[in-house]
Amino acid sequence: MNHPSPSIKLYDFQLSGHCHRVRLMLSLLGLSHETVPIDLLGGEHKRQPFLELNPFGQVPALTDGEVVLADSNAILVYLALTYGDEKWLPRTAVEAAAVQRWLSVAAGDIAHGVAAARADVLFGMRCDMEDAVKRAAQSLANLDAALTATPFLTGDLPTIADVACYSYVAHAPEGRVSLEPYGHVRQWLARIEALPRFVPMPRTPLRKP
């Protein structure tokens, strides 16, 4: 494993699950970093100078010396390959593909399901709530089924797949999506929360319907 970098900056919004997965990975790897808060609700991510870091206008962004990165899953890959060991991102084709599958789930059904429902409820970012709840139920059922065989998503050890999927699933109730039917998912969340150097994402009280 390479030595920690003293030059990492994370451009961050505390209540974003995309940002939290990067904060969590940095902590799990024991990497010190500087946090630069971005006022997401005020639209800072859509203005300069942030757009110089990420022209797509999305958080998080991360710099590591001269390296500039955007997209939370891409950042997880970078951190795992640069500072982690093969536990976090296996190097064999089959194992790496298994991790990539769950990164796609995090960017797909989880983002458009539990994450979209949460953004609607907490921040007024309107979505098709019926579709979001349907996607949430399907992705949670798929997670629950996968976790009947192994303690983590791709095997006996956590990988960046678990980090990518954790944040929004753990906060699904903030979007009025219950985790009660998904016992294996709840046990998996507890296993992640028991990892050394785990850091939580702040909980946000529900607004009244």
N, C-alpha and C. Protein backbone atom coordinates (compact mmCIF):
# COMPACT_ATOMS: atom_id res chain seq x y z
N MET A 1 0.85 -1.19 0.00
CA MET A 1 0.00 0.00 0.00
C MET A 1 0.88 1.23 0.00
N ASN A 2 0.54 2.25 -0.79
CA ASN A 2 1.30 3.49 -0.84
C ASN A 2 1.07 4.32 0.40
N HIS A 3 1.97 5.28 0.63
CA HIS A 3 1.84 6.12 1.80
C HIS A 3 0.72 7.14 1.62
N PRO A 4 0.05 7.52 2.71
CA PRO A 4 -1.01 8.53 2.61
C PRO A 4 -0.50 9.84 2.04
N SER A 5 -1.34 10.49 1.26
CA SER A 5 -0.98 11.78 0.68
C SER A 5 -1.41 12.90 1.61
N PRO A 6 -0.53 13.89 1.84
CA PRO A 6 -0.92 15.03 2.67
C PRO A 6 -1.65 16.10 1.88
N SER A 7 -1.87 15.86 0.57
CA SER A 7 -2.35 16.94 -0.30
C SER A 7 -3.77 16.72 -0.81
N ILE A 8 -4.51 15.79 -0.24
CA ILE A 8 -5.86 15.50 -0.72
C ILE A 8 -6.83 16.58 -0.23
N LYS A 9 -7.63 17.09 -1.16
CA LYS A 9 -8.73 18.00 -0.82
C LYS A 9 -10.02 17.38 -1.32
N LEU A 10 -11.02 17.36 -0.47
CA LEU A 10 -12.34 16.87 -0.84
C LEU A 10 -13.32 18.03 -0.84
N TYR A 11 -13.94 18.27 -1.97
CA TYR A 11 -14.95 19.31 -2.11
C TYR A 11 -16.29 18.64 -1.83
N ASP A 12 -16.93 19.06 -0.74
CA ASP A 12 -17.86 18.19 -0.02
C ASP A 12 -19.14 18.93 0.37
N PHE A 13 -20.24 18.18 0.38
CA PHE A 13 -21.50 18.63 0.98
C PHE A 13 -21.91 17.56 1.98
N GLN A 14 -22.03 17.91 3.24
CA GLN A 14 -22.15 16.94 4.33
C GLN A 14 -23.33 15.99 4.17
N LEU A 15 -24.43 16.44 3.59
CA LEU A 15 -25.64 15.63 3.51
C LEU A 15 -25.77 14.85 2.21
N SER A 16 -24.74 14.91 1.38
CA SER A 16 -24.74 14.14 0.13
C SER A 16 -24.18 12.75 0.36
N GLY A 17 -24.94 11.74 -0.03
CA GLY A 17 -24.44 10.37 0.07
C GLY A 17 -23.28 10.13 -0.88
N HIS A 18 -23.28 10.80 -2.03
CA HIS A 18 -22.15 10.68 -2.95
C HIS A 18 -20.87 11.19 -2.28
N CYS A 19 -20.98 12.28 -1.55
CA CYS A 19 -19.81 12.80 -0.83
C CYS A 19 -19.45 11.90 0.34
N HIS A 20 -20.48 11.41 1.03
CA HIS A 20 -20.19 10.58 2.20
C HIS A 20 -19.41 9.33 1.82
N ARG A 21 -19.71 8.72 0.69
CA ARG A 21 -18.99 7.49 0.35
C ARG A 21 -17.49 7.78 0.17
N VAL A 22 -17.16 8.98 -0.31
CA VAL A 22 -15.74 9.34 -0.43
C VAL A 22 -15.15 9.64 0.94
N ARG A 23 -15.88 10.38 1.79
CA ARG A 23 -15.39 10.61 3.16
C ARG A 23 -15.16 9.30 3.89
N LEU A 24 -16.10 8.36 3.71
CA LEU A 24 -15.98 7.06 4.36
C LEU A 24 -14.74 6.32 3.87
N MET A 25 -14.51 6.34 2.55
CA MET A 25 -13.36 5.63 2.01
C MET A 25 -12.06 6.26 2.50
N LEU A 26 -12.00 7.57 2.51
CA LEU A 26 -10.80 8.25 3.02
C LEU A 26 -10.52 7.83 4.46
N SER A 27 -11.57 7.75 5.26
CA SER A 27 -11.40 7.38 6.66
C SER A 27 -10.99 5.92 6.80
N LEU A 28 -11.65 5.03 6.06
CA LEU A 28 -11.32 3.61 6.14
C LEU A 28 -9.86 3.35 5.76
N LEU A 29 -9.34 4.16 4.84
CA LEU A 29 -7.95 4.02 4.42
C LEU A 29 -6.99 4.78 5.31
N GLY A 30 -7.52 5.55 6.27
CA GLY A 30 -6.66 6.32 7.16
C GLY A 30 -5.98 7.47 6.48
N LEU A 31 -6.63 8.08 5.48
CA LEU A 31 -6.03 9.16 4.71
C LEU A 31 -6.44 10.51 5.27
N SER A 32 -5.49 11.31 5.66
CA SER A 32 -5.79 12.67 6.08
C SER A 32 -6.11 13.50 4.84
N HIS A 33 -6.96 14.49 5.01
CA HIS A 33 -7.35 15.32 3.88
C HIS A 33 -7.94 16.62 4.39
N GLU A 34 -7.99 17.58 3.50
CA GLU A 34 -8.66 18.86 3.77
C GLU A 34 -10.05 18.82 3.16
N THR A 35 -11.04 19.26 3.92
CA THR A 35 -12.41 19.32 3.42
C THR A 35 -12.74 20.75 3.02
N VAL A 36 -13.27 20.92 1.82
CA VAL A 36 -13.71 22.22 1.33
C VAL A 36 -15.22 22.15 1.18
N PRO A 37 -15.99 22.77 2.10
CA PRO A 37 -17.46 22.69 2.00
C PRO A 37 -17.98 23.41 0.75
N ILE A 38 -18.94 22.79 0.10
CA ILE A 38 -19.61 23.37 -1.07
C ILE A 38 -21.08 23.56 -0.72
N ASP A 39 -21.59 24.77 -0.94
CA ASP A 39 -22.99 25.08 -0.63
C ASP A 39 -23.87 24.56 -1.76
N LEU A 40 -24.21 23.28 -1.67
CA LEU A 40 -24.99 22.64 -2.71
C LEU A 40 -26.37 23.27 -2.84
N LEU A 41 -27.02 23.51 -1.71
CA LEU A 41 -28.38 24.07 -1.75
C LEU A 41 -28.38 25.49 -2.29
N GLY A 42 -27.24 26.18 -2.14
CA GLY A 42 -27.12 27.53 -2.68
C GLY A 42 -26.62 27.57 -4.11
N GLY A 43 -26.36 26.40 -4.69
CA GLY A 43 -25.97 26.33 -6.09
C GLY A 43 -24.50 26.60 -6.37
N GLU A 44 -23.66 26.54 -5.33
CA GLU A 44 -22.24 26.83 -5.53
C GLU A 44 -21.59 25.86 -6.53
N HIS A 45 -22.11 24.63 -6.58
CA HIS A 45 -21.55 23.61 -7.47
C HIS A 45 -21.81 23.90 -8.94
N LYS A 46 -22.70 24.85 -9.22
CA LYS A 46 -23.03 25.20 -10.61
C LYS A 46 -22.33 26.48 -11.05
N ARG A 47 -21.42 26.99 -10.23
CA ARG A 47 -20.73 28.24 -10.55
C ARG A 47 -19.22 28.05 -10.49
N GLN A 48 -18.52 29.02 -11.10
CA GLN A 48 -17.08 29.07 -10.93
C GLN A 48 -16.77 29.50 -9.50
N PRO A 49 -15.67 29.06 -8.89
CA PRO A 49 -14.59 28.27 -9.50
C PRO A 49 -14.81 26.76 -9.45
N PHE A 50 -15.93 26.30 -8.83
CA PHE A 50 -16.12 24.85 -8.72
C PHE A 50 -16.18 24.19 -10.09
N LEU A 51 -16.78 24.85 -11.07
CA LEU A 51 -16.92 24.25 -12.39
C LEU A 51 -15.57 24.00 -13.07
N GLU A 52 -14.53 24.66 -12.60
CA GLU A 52 -13.21 24.36 -13.13
C GLU A 52 -12.76 22.97 -12.69
N LEU A 53 -13.21 22.54 -11.52
CA LEU A 53 -12.89 21.20 -11.03
C LEU A 53 -13.76 20.15 -11.68
N ASN A 54 -15.05 20.43 -11.79
CA ASN A 54 -15.99 19.48 -12.38
C ASN A 54 -16.98 20.22 -13.26
N PRO A 55 -16.75 20.26 -14.57
CA PRO A 55 -17.65 20.98 -15.47
C PRO A 55 -19.08 20.43 -15.45
N PHE A 56 -19.28 19.21 -14.94
CA PHE A 56 -20.63 18.66 -14.83
C PHE A 56 -21.41 19.29 -13.67
N GLY A 57 -20.73 20.02 -12.80
CA GLY A 57 -21.41 20.72 -11.72
C GLY A 57 -21.99 19.79 -10.67
N GLN A 58 -21.23 18.77 -10.29
CA GLN A 58 -21.70 17.79 -9.31
C GLN A 58 -20.64 17.60 -8.24
N VAL A 59 -21.11 17.41 -6.99
CA VAL A 59 -20.20 17.02 -5.92
C VAL A 59 -20.27 15.51 -5.76
N PRO A 60 -19.18 14.92 -5.27
CA PRO A 60 -17.95 15.53 -4.81
C PRO A 60 -16.96 15.75 -5.95
N ALA A 61 -15.91 16.51 -5.63
CA ALA A 61 -14.71 16.55 -6.44
C ALA A 61 -13.55 16.33 -5.48
N LEU A 62 -12.46 15.84 -6.00
CA LEU A 62 -11.30 15.57 -5.15
C LEU A 62 -10.04 15.93 -5.92
N THR A 63 -9.12 16.58 -5.23
CA THR A 63 -7.80 16.81 -5.80
C THR A 63 -6.77 16.12 -4.93
N ASP A 64 -5.75 15.61 -5.58
CA ASP A 64 -4.64 14.96 -4.89
C ASP A 64 -3.37 15.42 -5.60
N GLY A 65 -2.79 16.51 -5.09
CA GLY A 65 -1.70 17.13 -5.82
C GLY A 65 -2.20 17.67 -7.14
N GLU A 66 -1.63 17.19 -8.23
CA GLU A 66 -2.03 17.65 -9.56
C GLU A 66 -3.22 16.87 -10.12
N VAL A 67 -3.61 15.81 -9.44
CA VAL A 67 -4.73 14.98 -9.91
C VAL A 67 -6.04 15.64 -9.53
N VAL A 68 -6.95 15.79 -10.49
CA VAL A 68 -8.28 16.33 -10.25
C VAL A 68 -9.30 15.28 -10.69
N LEU A 69 -10.20 14.93 -9.76
CA LEU A 69 -11.16 13.87 -10.03
C LEU A 69 -12.57 14.30 -9.67
N ALA A 70 -13.53 13.80 -10.43
CA ALA A 70 -14.95 13.95 -10.11
C ALA A 70 -15.61 12.60 -10.27
N ASP A 71 -16.85 12.51 -9.81
CA ASP A 71 -17.65 11.28 -9.79
C ASP A 71 -17.21 10.43 -8.61
N SER A 72 -18.14 10.21 -7.69
CA SER A 72 -17.78 9.54 -6.44
C SER A 72 -17.26 8.13 -6.66
N ASN A 73 -17.86 7.37 -7.58
CA ASN A 73 -17.39 6.01 -7.80
C ASN A 73 -16.01 5.99 -8.44
N ALA A 74 -15.75 6.93 -9.35
CA ALA A 74 -14.42 7.04 -9.94
C ALA A 74 -13.39 7.39 -8.86
N ILE A 75 -13.78 8.25 -7.92
CA ILE A 75 -12.87 8.61 -6.84
C ILE A 75 -12.58 7.40 -5.96
N LEU A 76 -13.60 6.57 -5.70
CA LEU A 76 -13.37 5.35 -4.92
C LEU A 76 -12.36 4.45 -5.61
N VAL A 77 -12.48 4.29 -6.92
CA VAL A 77 -11.53 3.47 -7.67
C VAL A 77 -10.12 4.04 -7.53
N TYR A 78 -10.00 5.34 -7.69
CA TYR A 78 -8.68 5.98 -7.58
C TYR A 78 -8.08 5.77 -6.20
N LEU A 79 -8.85 5.99 -5.16
CA LEU A 79 -8.33 5.84 -3.81
C LEU A 79 -7.93 4.40 -3.52
N ALA A 80 -8.75 3.45 -3.97
CA ALA A 80 -8.44 2.05 -3.73
C ALA A 80 -7.16 1.63 -4.44
N LEU A 81 -7.00 2.06 -5.70
CA LEU A 81 -5.83 1.66 -6.47
C LEU A 81 -4.57 2.40 -6.02
N THR A 82 -4.73 3.63 -5.54
CA THR A 82 -3.57 4.43 -5.18
C THR A 82 -3.12 4.18 -3.75
N TYR A 83 -4.08 4.04 -2.84
CA TYR A 83 -3.74 3.98 -1.42
C TYR A 83 -4.20 2.71 -0.71
N GLY A 84 -5.04 1.92 -1.35
CA GLY A 84 -5.56 0.72 -0.71
C GLY A 84 -4.79 -0.52 -1.11
N ASP A 85 -5.30 -1.65 -0.67
CA ASP A 85 -4.75 -2.92 -1.11
C ASP A 85 -5.83 -3.64 -1.92
N GLU A 86 -5.51 -4.85 -2.33
CA GLU A 86 -6.43 -5.55 -3.22
C GLU A 86 -7.73 -5.95 -2.55
N LYS A 87 -7.80 -5.84 -1.23
CA LYS A 87 -9.06 -6.11 -0.54
C LYS A 87 -10.15 -5.16 -1.04
N TRP A 88 -9.80 -3.90 -1.22
CA TRP A 88 -10.81 -2.89 -1.55
C TRP A 88 -11.23 -2.94 -3.01
N LEU A 89 -10.29 -3.29 -3.89
CA LEU A 89 -10.61 -3.43 -5.31
C LEU A 89 -9.77 -4.57 -5.87
N PRO A 90 -10.32 -5.79 -5.87
CA PRO A 90 -9.56 -6.96 -6.33
C PRO A 90 -9.06 -6.75 -7.76
N ARG A 91 -7.92 -7.39 -8.06
CA ARG A 91 -7.29 -7.20 -9.36
C ARG A 91 -7.65 -8.29 -10.36
N THR A 92 -8.24 -9.41 -9.92
CA THR A 92 -8.61 -10.43 -10.87
C THR A 92 -9.86 -10.00 -11.64
N ALA A 93 -9.98 -10.48 -12.87
CA ALA A 93 -11.06 -10.03 -13.75
C ALA A 93 -12.44 -10.31 -13.17
N VAL A 94 -12.65 -11.52 -12.68
CA VAL A 94 -13.97 -11.90 -12.18
C VAL A 94 -14.32 -11.08 -10.93
N GLU A 95 -13.37 -10.94 -10.01
CA GLU A 95 -13.65 -10.20 -8.78
C GLU A 95 -13.83 -8.71 -9.05
N ALA A 96 -13.01 -8.15 -9.94
CA ALA A 96 -13.16 -6.73 -10.29
C ALA A 96 -14.50 -6.48 -10.97
N ALA A 97 -14.93 -7.42 -11.82
CA ALA A 97 -16.23 -7.28 -12.48
C ALA A 97 -17.37 -7.33 -11.47
N ALA A 98 -17.23 -8.16 -10.44
CA ALA A 98 -18.26 -8.23 -9.41
C ALA A 98 -18.39 -6.90 -8.68
N VAL A 99 -17.26 -6.26 -8.41
CA VAL A 99 -17.29 -4.94 -7.78
C VAL A 99 -17.95 -3.93 -8.71
N GLN A 100 -17.57 -3.95 -9.99
CA GLN A 100 -18.13 -2.99 -10.95
C GLN A 100 -19.64 -3.14 -11.06
N ARG A 101 -20.13 -4.34 -10.96
CA ARG A 101 -21.58 -4.55 -11.02
C ARG A 101 -22.29 -3.72 -9.96
N TRP A 102 -21.75 -3.73 -8.73
CA TRP A 102 -22.40 -3.00 -7.65
C TRP A 102 -22.15 -1.50 -7.74
N LEU A 103 -21.04 -1.08 -8.33
CA LEU A 103 -20.86 0.35 -8.59
C LEU A 103 -21.94 0.84 -9.56
N SER A 104 -22.28 0.00 -10.52
CA SER A 104 -23.36 0.36 -11.46
C SER A 104 -24.71 0.42 -10.75
N VAL A 105 -24.93 -0.50 -9.81
CA VAL A 105 -26.17 -0.44 -9.03
C VAL A 105 -26.24 0.84 -8.22
N ALA A 106 -25.11 1.22 -7.61
CA ALA A 106 -25.08 2.46 -6.83
C ALA A 106 -25.40 3.67 -7.69
N ALA A 107 -24.88 3.68 -8.92
CA ALA A 107 -25.11 4.81 -9.82
C ALA A 107 -26.46 4.73 -10.53
N GLY A 108 -27.09 3.55 -10.49
CA GLY A 108 -28.35 3.36 -11.19
C GLY A 108 -29.53 3.28 -10.26
N ASP A 109 -29.94 2.08 -9.88
CA ASP A 109 -31.17 1.91 -9.12
C ASP A 109 -31.11 2.54 -7.73
N ILE A 110 -29.94 2.53 -7.08
CA ILE A 110 -29.87 3.18 -5.77
C ILE A 110 -29.98 4.69 -5.91
N ALA A 111 -29.29 5.26 -6.90
CA ALA A 111 -29.36 6.71 -7.12
C ALA A 111 -30.77 7.15 -7.50
N HIS A 112 -31.43 6.37 -8.32
CA HIS A 112 -32.77 6.74 -8.81
C HIS A 112 -33.89 6.20 -7.92
N GLY A 113 -33.51 5.43 -6.90
CA GLY A 113 -34.48 4.87 -5.97
C GLY A 113 -34.42 5.54 -4.62
N VAL A 114 -33.68 4.94 -3.67
CA VAL A 114 -33.65 5.49 -2.31
C VAL A 114 -33.07 6.89 -2.28
N ALA A 115 -32.06 7.17 -3.11
CA ALA A 115 -31.45 8.50 -3.09
C ALA A 115 -32.40 9.56 -3.63
N ALA A 116 -33.10 9.23 -4.71
CA ALA A 116 -34.04 10.19 -5.29
C ALA A 116 -35.20 10.47 -4.34
N ALA A 117 -35.71 9.42 -3.68
CA ALA A 117 -36.80 9.61 -2.72
C ALA A 117 -36.34 10.50 -1.57
N ARG A 118 -35.12 10.27 -1.07
CA ARG A 118 -34.58 11.09 0.02
C ARG A 118 -34.42 12.55 -0.41
N ALA A 119 -33.92 12.79 -1.62
CA ALA A 119 -33.73 14.14 -2.10
C ALA A 119 -35.07 14.87 -2.25
N ASP A 120 -36.09 14.15 -2.65
CA ASP A 120 -37.43 14.73 -2.76
C ASP A 120 -37.95 15.14 -1.39
N VAL A 121 -37.86 14.22 -0.43
CA VAL A 121 -38.43 14.47 0.90
C VAL A 121 -37.64 15.54 1.65
N LEU A 122 -36.32 15.45 1.62
CA LEU A 122 -35.50 16.34 2.45
C LEU A 122 -35.24 17.69 1.81
N PHE A 123 -35.04 17.71 0.50
CA PHE A 123 -34.54 18.92 -0.15
C PHE A 123 -35.50 19.48 -1.20
N GLY A 124 -36.66 18.85 -1.37
CA GLY A 124 -37.62 19.35 -2.34
C GLY A 124 -37.17 19.18 -3.78
N MET A 125 -36.23 18.24 -4.03
CA MET A 125 -35.77 17.99 -5.39
C MET A 125 -36.73 16.97 -6.01
N ARG A 126 -37.77 17.46 -6.63
CA ARG A 126 -38.90 16.64 -7.02
C ARG A 126 -38.52 15.56 -8.02
N CYS A 127 -39.06 14.37 -7.77
CA CYS A 127 -38.86 13.24 -8.67
C CYS A 127 -40.20 12.54 -8.84
N ASP A 128 -40.22 11.54 -9.70
CA ASP A 128 -41.38 10.66 -9.83
C ASP A 128 -41.32 9.72 -8.62
N MET A 129 -42.01 10.09 -7.55
CA MET A 129 -41.88 9.35 -6.30
C MET A 129 -42.35 7.90 -6.45
N GLU A 130 -43.38 7.66 -7.23
CA GLU A 130 -43.85 6.29 -7.43
C GLU A 130 -42.75 5.44 -8.05
N ASP A 131 -42.07 5.99 -9.05
CA ASP A 131 -40.98 5.26 -9.70
C ASP A 131 -39.81 5.08 -8.74
N ALA A 132 -39.49 6.14 -7.96
CA ALA A 132 -38.37 6.05 -7.01
C ALA A 132 -38.61 4.97 -5.97
N VAL A 133 -39.83 4.91 -5.44
CA VAL A 133 -40.15 3.90 -4.43
C VAL A 133 -40.10 2.50 -5.03
N LYS A 134 -40.56 2.36 -6.26
CA LYS A 134 -40.50 1.06 -6.94
C LYS A 134 -39.05 0.63 -7.13
N ARG A 135 -38.20 1.54 -7.59
CA ARG A 135 -36.78 1.23 -7.79
C ARG A 135 -36.12 0.92 -6.45
N ALA A 136 -36.50 1.65 -5.41
CA ALA A 136 -35.93 1.41 -4.09
C ALA A 136 -36.25 0.01 -3.62
N ALA A 137 -37.50 -0.40 -3.75
CA ALA A 137 -37.90 -1.73 -3.32
C ALA A 137 -37.16 -2.82 -4.09
N GLN A 138 -37.00 -2.62 -5.39
CA GLN A 138 -36.32 -3.62 -6.20
C GLN A 138 -34.84 -3.72 -5.84
N SER A 139 -34.19 -2.55 -5.68
CA SER A 139 -32.76 -2.58 -5.36
C SER A 139 -32.51 -3.13 -3.97
N LEU A 140 -33.37 -2.81 -3.02
CA LEU A 140 -33.22 -3.34 -1.66
C LEU A 140 -33.46 -4.85 -1.63
N ALA A 141 -34.42 -5.31 -2.41
CA ALA A 141 -34.66 -6.76 -2.49
C ALA A 141 -33.46 -7.48 -3.12
N ASN A 142 -32.88 -6.86 -4.15
CA ASN A 142 -31.70 -7.46 -4.78
C ASN A 142 -30.51 -7.49 -3.82
N LEU A 143 -30.32 -6.39 -3.08
CA LEU A 143 -29.26 -6.36 -2.08
C LEU A 143 -29.48 -7.44 -1.03
N ASP A 144 -30.70 -7.53 -0.56
CA ASP A 144 -31.02 -8.50 0.50
C ASP A 144 -30.74 -9.92 0.03
N ALA A 145 -31.11 -10.21 -1.22
CA ALA A 145 -30.89 -11.55 -1.76
C ALA A 145 -29.39 -11.84 -1.90
N ALA A 146 -28.63 -10.86 -2.37
CA ALA A 146 -27.19 -11.06 -2.53
C ALA A 146 -26.51 -11.30 -1.20
N LEU A 147 -27.01 -10.65 -0.16
CA LEU A 147 -26.38 -10.73 1.15
C LEU A 147 -26.79 -11.97 1.94
N THR A 148 -27.62 -12.82 1.36
CA THR A 148 -27.92 -14.09 2.03
C THR A 148 -26.74 -15.05 1.93
N ALA A 149 -25.87 -14.83 0.94
CA ALA A 149 -24.77 -15.77 0.69
C ALA A 149 -23.45 -15.33 1.31
N THR A 150 -23.22 -14.02 1.38
CA THR A 150 -21.94 -13.51 1.86
C THR A 150 -22.18 -12.32 2.77
N PRO A 151 -21.26 -12.03 3.70
CA PRO A 151 -21.46 -10.90 4.62
C PRO A 151 -21.34 -9.55 3.94
N PHE A 152 -20.57 -9.47 2.86
CA PHE A 152 -20.46 -8.23 2.09
C PHE A 152 -20.86 -8.51 0.65
N LEU A 153 -20.96 -7.48 -0.15
CA LEU A 153 -21.62 -7.64 -1.45
C LEU A 153 -20.90 -8.58 -2.40
N THR A 154 -19.57 -8.64 -2.31
CA THR A 154 -18.85 -9.50 -3.25
C THR A 154 -18.11 -10.64 -2.57
N GLY A 155 -18.29 -10.80 -1.26
CA GLY A 155 -17.60 -11.89 -0.59
C GLY A 155 -17.48 -11.68 0.90
N ASP A 156 -16.41 -12.21 1.46
CA ASP A 156 -16.22 -12.18 2.90
C ASP A 156 -15.62 -10.88 3.42
N LEU A 157 -15.09 -10.04 2.52
CA LEU A 157 -14.46 -8.79 2.92
C LEU A 157 -15.14 -7.61 2.23
N PRO A 158 -15.14 -6.45 2.88
CA PRO A 158 -15.72 -5.27 2.24
C PRO A 158 -14.84 -4.77 1.09
N THR A 159 -15.48 -4.23 0.08
CA THR A 159 -14.79 -3.60 -1.05
C THR A 159 -15.42 -2.23 -1.28
N ILE A 160 -14.92 -1.55 -2.30
CA ILE A 160 -15.53 -0.26 -2.63
C ILE A 160 -16.97 -0.43 -3.09
N ALA A 161 -17.38 -1.63 -3.46
CA ALA A 161 -18.79 -1.87 -3.79
C ALA A 161 -19.67 -1.60 -2.58
N ASP A 162 -19.24 -2.07 -1.41
CA ASP A 162 -20.00 -1.84 -0.18
C ASP A 162 -20.00 -0.36 0.19
N VAL A 163 -18.86 0.29 0.03
CA VAL A 163 -18.77 1.72 0.34
C VAL A 163 -19.70 2.52 -0.57
N ALA A 164 -19.73 2.17 -1.86
CA ALA A 164 -20.56 2.90 -2.82
C ALA A 164 -22.04 2.75 -2.53
N CYS A 165 -22.44 1.57 -2.07
CA CYS A 165 -23.87 1.32 -1.87
C CYS A 165 -24.36 1.71 -0.48
N TYR A 166 -23.45 1.85 0.47
CA TYR A 166 -23.86 2.01 1.86
C TYR A 166 -24.67 3.29 2.13
N SER A 167 -24.17 4.44 1.74
CA SER A 167 -24.65 5.71 2.30
C SER A 167 -26.14 5.94 2.08
N TYR A 168 -26.59 5.82 0.84
CA TYR A 168 -28.00 6.09 0.57
C TYR A 168 -28.91 4.98 1.09
N VAL A 169 -28.41 3.74 1.09
CA VAL A 169 -29.22 2.66 1.65
C VAL A 169 -29.41 2.88 3.15
N ALA A 170 -28.35 3.23 3.85
CA ALA A 170 -28.44 3.47 5.29
C ALA A 170 -29.42 4.59 5.61
N HIS A 171 -29.55 5.55 4.71
CA HIS A 171 -30.42 6.70 4.94
C HIS A 171 -31.74 6.61 4.18
N ALA A 172 -32.08 5.42 3.72
CA ALA A 172 -33.34 5.24 3.01
C ALA A 172 -34.55 5.73 3.81
N PRO A 173 -34.61 5.51 5.13
CA PRO A 173 -35.78 5.99 5.87
C PRO A 173 -35.99 7.51 5.79
N GLU A 174 -34.93 8.26 5.48
CA GLU A 174 -35.10 9.71 5.33
C GLU A 174 -35.92 10.04 4.08
N GLY A 175 -36.06 9.09 3.19
CA GLY A 175 -36.93 9.24 2.02
C GLY A 175 -38.23 8.47 2.17
N ARG A 176 -38.52 8.10 3.44
CA ARG A 176 -39.72 7.34 3.79
C ARG A 176 -39.74 5.96 3.10
N VAL A 177 -38.56 5.37 2.97
CA VAL A 177 -38.43 4.00 2.48
C VAL A 177 -37.96 3.15 3.65
N SER A 178 -38.77 2.21 4.08
CA SER A 178 -38.45 1.41 5.25
C SER A 178 -37.43 0.32 4.92
N LEU A 179 -36.51 0.10 5.86
CA LEU A 179 -35.57 -1.01 5.75
C LEU A 179 -36.03 -2.24 6.53
N GLU A 180 -37.17 -2.13 7.18
CA GLU A 180 -37.64 -3.21 8.05
C GLU A 180 -37.77 -4.55 7.34
N PRO A 181 -38.24 -4.59 6.07
CA PRO A 181 -38.41 -5.91 5.43
C PRO A 181 -37.09 -6.58 5.03
N TYR A 182 -35.97 -5.88 5.15
CA TYR A 182 -34.73 -6.35 4.56
C TYR A 182 -33.70 -6.65 5.66
N GLY A 183 -33.88 -7.80 6.29
CA GLY A 183 -33.04 -8.15 7.43
C GLY A 183 -31.57 -8.29 7.09
N HIS A 184 -31.27 -8.89 5.93
CA HIS A 184 -29.87 -9.06 5.54
C HIS A 184 -29.22 -7.72 5.24
N VAL A 185 -29.98 -6.80 4.67
CA VAL A 185 -29.46 -5.46 4.42
C VAL A 185 -29.14 -4.77 5.74
N ARG A 186 -30.02 -4.87 6.71
CA ARG A 186 -29.79 -4.21 8.00
C ARG A 186 -28.57 -4.81 8.70
N GLN A 187 -28.36 -6.10 8.58
CA GLN A 187 -27.18 -6.72 9.17
C GLN A 187 -25.91 -6.26 8.45
N TRP A 188 -25.99 -6.12 7.15
CA TRP A 188 -24.86 -5.63 6.35
C TRP A 188 -24.50 -4.19 6.74
N LEU A 189 -25.52 -3.36 6.91
CA LEU A 189 -25.25 -1.98 7.34
C LEU A 189 -24.51 -1.98 8.68
N ALA A 190 -24.95 -2.84 9.59
CA ALA A 190 -24.30 -2.92 10.90
C ALA A 190 -22.85 -3.38 10.77
N ARG A 191 -22.59 -4.30 9.85
CA ARG A 191 -21.21 -4.77 9.65
C ARG A 191 -20.31 -3.64 9.13
N ILE A 192 -20.84 -2.85 8.22
CA ILE A 192 -20.05 -1.71 7.72
C ILE A 192 -19.80 -0.71 8.84
N GLU A 193 -20.83 -0.44 9.62
CA GLU A 193 -20.70 0.54 10.70
C GLU A 193 -19.74 0.06 11.80
N ALA A 194 -19.45 -1.23 11.84
CA ALA A 194 -18.51 -1.78 12.81
C ALA A 194 -17.07 -1.79 12.30
N LEU A 195 -16.85 -1.39 11.05
CA LEU A 195 -15.49 -1.38 10.52
C LEU A 195 -14.63 -0.34 11.23
N PRO A 196 -13.35 -0.62 11.43
CA PRO A 196 -12.46 0.39 12.02
C PRO A 196 -12.45 1.67 11.19
N ARG A 197 -12.54 2.79 11.87
CA ARG A 197 -12.50 4.14 11.27
C ARG A 197 -13.77 4.46 10.47
N PHE A 198 -14.85 3.71 10.68
CA PHE A 198 -16.13 4.08 10.06
C PHE A 198 -16.54 5.48 10.52
N VAL A 199 -17.06 6.27 9.59
CA VAL A 199 -17.61 7.58 9.92
C VAL A 199 -19.02 7.67 9.35
N PRO A 200 -19.99 8.12 10.14
CA PRO A 200 -21.38 8.19 9.65
C PRO A 200 -21.64 9.45 8.85
N MET A 201 -22.72 9.42 8.10
CA MET A 201 -23.25 10.63 7.48
C MET A 201 -24.29 11.21 8.43
N PRO A 202 -24.33 12.53 8.61
CA PRO A 202 -25.30 13.10 9.53
C PRO A 202 -26.74 12.71 9.16
N ARG A 203 -27.52 12.42 10.18
CA ARG A 203 -28.94 12.13 9.98
C ARG A 203 -29.70 13.44 9.87
N THR A 204 -30.72 13.43 9.04
CA THR A 204 -31.52 14.62 8.82
C THR A 204 -32.96 14.35 9.20
N PRO A 205 -33.54 15.14 10.10
CA PRO A 205 -34.94 14.89 10.49
C PRO A 205 -35.87 15.02 9.30
N LEU A 206 -36.86 14.16 9.26
CA LEU A 206 -37.85 14.21 8.18
C LEU A 206 -38.69 15.47 8.29
N ARG A 207 -38.96 16.07 7.12
CA ARG A 207 -39.95 17.13 7.09
C ARG A 207 -41.33 16.52 7.15
N LYS A 208 -42.28 17.26 7.66
CA LYS A 208 -43.65 16.75 7.70
C LYS A 208 -44.18 16.62 6.28
N PRO A 209 -44.98 15.57 6.00
CA PRO A 209 -45.53 15.39 4.65
C PRO A 209 -46.36 16.59 4.24
